[in-house]
PDB file of N, CA and C in Angstrom:
ATOM      1  N   UNK A   1       0.854  -1.167   0.000  1.00  0.00           N
ATOM      2  CA  UNK A   1       0.000   0.000   0.000  1.00  0.00           C
ATOM      3  C   UNK A   1       0.903   1.234   0.000  1.00  0.00           C
ATOM      4  N   UNK A   2       0.681   2.120  -0.940  1.00  0.00           N
ATOM      5  CA  UNK A   2       1.504   3.321  -1.047  1.00  0.00           C
ATOM      6  C   UNK A   2       0.935   4.436  -0.170  1.00  0.00           C
ATOM      7  N   UNK A   3       1.787   5.417   0.130  1.00  0.00           N
ATOM      8  CA  UNK A   3       1.262   6.561   0.912  1.00  0.00           C
ATOM      9  C   UNK A   3       0.111   7.224   0.176  1.00  0.00           C
ATOM     10  N   UNK A   4      -0.844   7.664   0.931  1.00  0.00           N
ATOM     11  CA  UNK A   4      -2.035   8.243   0.301  1.00  0.00           C
ATOM     12  C   UNK A   4      -1.761   9.655  -0.193  1.00  0.00           C
ATOM     13  N   UNK A   5      -2.422  10.029  -1.256  1.00  0.00           N
ATOM     14  CA  UNK A   5      -2.375  11.387  -1.784  1.00  0.00           C
ATOM     15  C   UNK A   5      -3.433  12.182  -1.047  1.00  0.00           C
ATOM     16  N   UNK A   6      -3.020  13.061  -0.158  1.00  0.00           N
ATOM     17  CA  UNK A   6      -3.972  13.780   0.688  1.00  0.00           C
ATOM     18  C   UNK A   6      -4.935  14.652  -0.106  1.00  0.00           C
ATOM     19  N   UNK A   7      -4.543  15.053  -1.310  1.00  0.00           N
ATOM     20  CA  UNK A   7      -5.436  15.870  -2.125  1.00  0.00           C
ATOM     21  C   UNK A   7      -6.634  15.079  -2.627  1.00  0.00           C
ATOM     22  N   UNK A   8      -6.510  13.769  -2.671  1.00  0.00           N
ATOM     23  CA  UNK A   8      -7.584  12.929  -3.206  1.00  0.00           C
ATOM     24  C   UNK A   8      -8.241  12.083  -2.131  1.00  0.00           C
ATOM     25  N   UNK A   9      -8.196  12.544  -0.889  1.00  0.00           N
ATOM     26  CA  UNK A   9      -8.805  11.779   0.193  1.00  0.00           C
ATOM     27  C   UNK A   9      -9.815  12.636   0.939  1.00  0.00           C
ATOM     28  N   UNK A  10     -10.701  11.965   1.613  1.00  0.00           N
ATOM     29  CA  UNK A  10     -11.672  12.631   2.481  1.00  0.00           C
ATOM     30  C   UNK A  10     -11.695  11.904   3.805  1.00  0.00           C
ATOM     31  N   UNK A  11     -11.968  12.633   4.851  1.00  0.00           N
ATOM     32  CA  UNK A  11     -12.058  12.047   6.183  1.00  0.00           C
ATOM     33  C   UNK A  11     -13.510  11.669   6.455  1.00  0.00           C
ATOM     34  N   UNK A  12     -13.706  10.526   7.104  1.00  0.00           N
ATOM     35  CA  UNK A  12     -15.041  10.098   7.523  1.00  0.00           C
ATOM     36  C   UNK A  12     -14.971   9.636   8.974  1.00  0.00           C
ATOM     37  N   UNK A  13     -16.102   9.517   9.594  1.00  0.00           N
ATOM     38  CA  UNK A  13     -16.197   8.959  10.941  1.00  0.00           C
ATOM     39  C   UNK A  13     -16.994   7.668  10.863  1.00  0.00           C
ATOM     40  N   UNK A  14     -16.524   6.672  11.571  1.00  0.00           N
ATOM     41  CA  UNK A  14     -17.271   5.419  11.696  1.00  0.00           C
ATOM     42  C   UNK A  14     -17.342   5.077  13.177  1.00  0.00           C
ATOM     43  N   UNK A  15     -18.375   4.372  13.556  1.00  0.00           N
ATOM     44  CA  UNK A  15     -18.583   4.010  14.945  1.00  0.00           C
ATOM     45  C   UNK A  15     -18.639   2.496  15.067  1.00  0.00           C
ATOM     46  N   UNK A  16     -17.894   1.953  16.036  1.00  0.00           N
ATOM     47  CA  UNK A  16     -17.863   0.522  16.308  1.00  0.00           C
ATOM     48  C   UNK A  16     -18.182   0.303  17.779  1.00  0.00           C
ATOM     49  N   UNK A  17     -18.752  -0.843  18.070  1.00  0.00           N
ATOM     50  CA  UNK A  17     -18.941  -1.208  19.472  1.00  0.00           C
ATOM     51  C   UNK A  17     -17.562  -1.394  20.108  1.00  0.00           C
ATOM     52  N   UNK A  18     -17.501  -1.325  21.415  1.00  0.00           N
ATOM     53  CA  UNK A  18     -16.208  -1.482  22.093  1.00  0.00           C
ATOM     54  C   UNK A  18     -15.603  -2.857  21.829  1.00  0.00           C
ATOM     55  N   UNK A  19     -16.455  -3.880  21.688  1.00  0.00           N
ATOM     56  CA  UNK A  19     -15.945  -5.223  21.414  1.00  0.00           C
ATOM     57  C   UNK A  19     -15.285  -5.292  20.040  1.00  0.00           C
ATOM     58  N   UNK A  20     -15.931  -4.713  19.045  1.00  0.00           N
ATOM     59  CA  UNK A  20     -15.381  -4.715  17.691  1.00  0.00           C
ATOM     60  C   UNK A  20     -14.108  -3.879  17.644  1.00  0.00           C
ATOM     61  N   UNK A  21     -14.116  -2.728  18.301  1.00  0.00           N
ATOM     62  CA  UNK A  21     -12.941  -1.867  18.301  1.00  0.00           C
ATOM     63  C   UNK A  21     -11.746  -2.562  18.945  1.00  0.00           C
ATOM     64  N   UNK A  22     -11.961  -3.289  20.011  1.00  0.00           N
ATOM     65  CA  UNK A  22     -10.868  -4.023  20.647  1.00  0.00           C
ATOM     66  C   UNK A  22     -10.289  -5.077  19.703  1.00  0.00           C
ATOM     67  N   UNK A  23     -11.147  -5.755  18.956  1.00  0.00           N
ATOM     68  CA  UNK A  23     -10.676  -6.746  17.974  1.00  0.00           C
ATOM     69  C   UNK A  23      -9.864  -6.063  16.879  1.00  0.00           C
ATOM     70  N   UNK A  24     -10.353  -4.922  16.382  1.00  0.00           N
ATOM     71  CA  UNK A  24      -9.632  -4.167  15.354  1.00  0.00           C
ATOM     72  C   UNK A  24      -8.265  -3.739  15.888  1.00  0.00           C
ATOM     73  N   UNK A  25      -8.229  -3.223  17.103  1.00  0.00           N
ATOM     74  CA  UNK A  25      -6.958  -2.797  17.696  1.00  0.00           C
ATOM     75  C   UNK A  25      -5.980  -3.951  17.807  1.00  0.00           C
ATOM     76  N   UNK A  26      -6.479  -5.100  18.210  1.00  0.00           N
ATOM     77  CA  UNK A  26      -5.640  -6.278  18.356  1.00  0.00           C
ATOM     78  C   UNK A  26      -5.065  -6.717  17.004  1.00  0.00           C
ATOM     79  N   UNK A  27      -5.915  -6.769  15.987  1.00  0.00           N
ATOM     80  CA  UNK A  27      -5.458  -7.182  14.657  1.00  0.00           C
ATOM     81  C   UNK A  27      -4.472  -6.170  14.076  1.00  0.00           C
ATOM     82  N   UNK A  28      -4.725  -4.887  14.279  1.00  0.00           N
ATOM     83  CA  UNK A  28      -3.817  -3.850  13.790  1.00  0.00           C
ATOM     84  C   UNK A  28      -2.450  -3.994  14.461  1.00  0.00           C
ATOM     85  N   UNK A  29      -2.456  -4.220  15.754  1.00  0.00           N
ATOM     86  CA  UNK A  29      -1.203  -4.376  16.491  1.00  0.00           C
ATOM     87  C   UNK A  29      -0.425  -5.587  15.993  1.00  0.00           C
ATOM     88  N   UNK A  30      -1.118  -6.699  15.749  1.00  0.00           N
ATOM     89  CA  UNK A  30      -0.465  -7.911  15.220  1.00  0.00           C
ATOM     90  C   UNK A  30       0.237  -7.634  13.897  1.00  0.00           C
ATOM     91  N   UNK A  31      -0.342  -6.764  13.096  1.00  0.00           N
ATOM     92  CA  UNK A  31       0.215  -6.453  11.778  1.00  0.00           C
ATOM     93  C   UNK A  31       1.154  -5.248  11.810  1.00  0.00           C
ATOM     94  N   UNK A  32       1.360  -4.660  12.989  1.00  0.00           N
ATOM     95  CA  UNK A  32       2.245  -3.511  13.108  1.00  0.00           C
ATOM     96  C   UNK A  32       1.690  -2.264  12.439  1.00  0.00           C
ATOM     97  N   UNK A  33       0.364  -2.129  12.474  1.00  0.00           N
ATOM     98  CA  UNK A  33      -0.302  -1.008  11.814  1.00  0.00           C
ATOM     99  C   UNK A  33      -1.052  -0.172  12.838  1.00  0.00           C
ATOM    100  N   UNK A  34      -1.356   1.069  12.445  1.00  0.00           N
ATOM    101  CA  UNK A  34      -2.260   1.878  13.257  1.00  0.00           C
ATOM    102  C   UNK A  34      -3.678   1.372  13.025  1.00  0.00           C
ATOM    103  N   UNK A  35      -4.580   1.748  13.896  1.00  0.00           N
ATOM    104  CA  UNK A  35      -5.980   1.351  13.731  1.00  0.00           C
ATOM    105  C   UNK A  35      -6.537   1.916  12.430  1.00  0.00           C
ATOM    106  N   UNK A  36      -6.315   3.209  12.188  1.00  0.00           N
ATOM    107  CA  UNK A  36      -6.858   3.814  10.967  1.00  0.00           C
ATOM    108  C   UNK A  36      -6.217   3.209   9.719  1.00  0.00           C
ATOM    109  N   UNK A  37      -4.916   2.943   9.768  1.00  0.00           N
ATOM    110  CA  UNK A  37      -4.247   2.310   8.632  1.00  0.00           C
ATOM    111  C   UNK A  37      -4.785   0.917   8.376  1.00  0.00           C
ATOM    112  N   UNK A  38      -5.052   0.169   9.444  1.00  0.00           N
ATOM    113  CA  UNK A  38      -5.593  -1.175   9.301  1.00  0.00           C
ATOM    114  C   UNK A  38      -6.996  -1.141   8.694  1.00  0.00           C
ATOM    115  N   UNK A  39      -7.840  -0.250   9.184  1.00  0.00           N
ATOM    116  CA  UNK A  39      -9.202  -0.141   8.645  1.00  0.00           C
ATOM    117  C   UNK A  39      -9.145   0.226   7.171  1.00  0.00           C
ATOM    118  N   UNK A  40      -8.294   1.179   6.826  1.00  0.00           N
ATOM    119  CA  UNK A  40      -8.143   1.585   5.424  1.00  0.00           C
ATOM    120  C   UNK A  40      -7.696   0.395   4.574  1.00  0.00           C
ATOM    121  N   UNK A  41      -6.696  -0.348   5.050  1.00  0.00           N
ATOM    122  CA  UNK A  41      -6.194  -1.524   4.348  1.00  0.00           C
ATOM    123  C   UNK A  41      -7.305  -2.544   4.118  1.00  0.00           C
ATOM    124  N   UNK A  42      -8.061  -2.849   5.159  1.00  0.00           N
ATOM    125  CA  UNK A  42      -9.130  -3.844   5.057  1.00  0.00           C
ATOM    126  C   UNK A  42     -10.184  -3.412   4.041  1.00  0.00           C
ATOM    127  N   UNK A  43     -10.585  -2.156   4.099  1.00  0.00           N
ATOM    128  CA  UNK A  43     -11.602  -1.656   3.167  1.00  0.00           C
ATOM    129  C   UNK A  43     -11.086  -1.706   1.737  1.00  0.00           C
ATOM    130  N   UNK A  44      -9.850  -1.252   1.509  1.00  0.00           N
ATOM    131  CA  UNK A  44      -9.299  -1.267   0.150  1.00  0.00           C
ATOM    132  C   UNK A  44      -9.160  -2.689  -0.388  1.00  0.00           C
ATOM    133  N   UNK A  45      -8.750  -3.621   0.462  1.00  0.00           N
ATOM    134  CA  UNK A  45      -8.652  -5.027   0.027  1.00  0.00           C
ATOM    135  C   UNK A  45     -10.032  -5.581  -0.326  1.00  0.00           C
ATOM    136  N   UNK A  46     -11.022  -5.252   0.478  1.00  0.00           N
ATOM    137  CA  UNK A  46     -12.389  -5.695   0.200  1.00  0.00           C
ATOM    138  C   UNK A  46     -12.860  -5.153  -1.140  1.00  0.00           C
ATOM    139  N   UNK A  47     -12.614  -3.874  -1.376  1.00  0.00           N
ATOM    140  CA  UNK A  47     -13.065  -3.240  -2.614  1.00  0.00           C
ATOM    141  C   UNK A  47     -12.374  -3.800  -3.848  1.00  0.00           C
ATOM    142  N   UNK A  48     -11.130  -4.250  -3.707  1.00  0.00           N
ATOM    143  CA  UNK A  48     -10.433  -4.876  -4.832  1.00  0.00           C
ATOM    144  C   UNK A  48     -11.154  -6.148  -5.279  1.00  0.00           C
ATOM    145  N   UNK A  49     -11.784  -6.833  -4.331  1.00  0.00           N
ATOM    146  CA  UNK A  49     -12.446  -8.110  -4.618  1.00  0.00           C
ATOM    147  C   UNK A  49     -13.903  -7.950  -5.001  1.00  0.00           C
ATOM    148  N   UNK A  50     -14.455  -6.763  -4.812  1.00  0.00           N
ATOM    149  CA  UNK A  50     -15.879  -6.527  -5.061  1.00  0.00           C
ATOM    150  C   UNK A  50     -16.153  -6.338  -6.550  1.00  0.00           C
TER     151      UNK A  50
END
């Protein structure tokens, strides 16, 4: 995944239950990623397959 071009991005807010957020944090940590980077990665991978 390459660095994002900030000119072509938008910020959004998403809400997760505390249980889901803890799972996301755990998976991000396992992969050495930030939470936001992990969420972005997961969404982009999903969209590649859609």
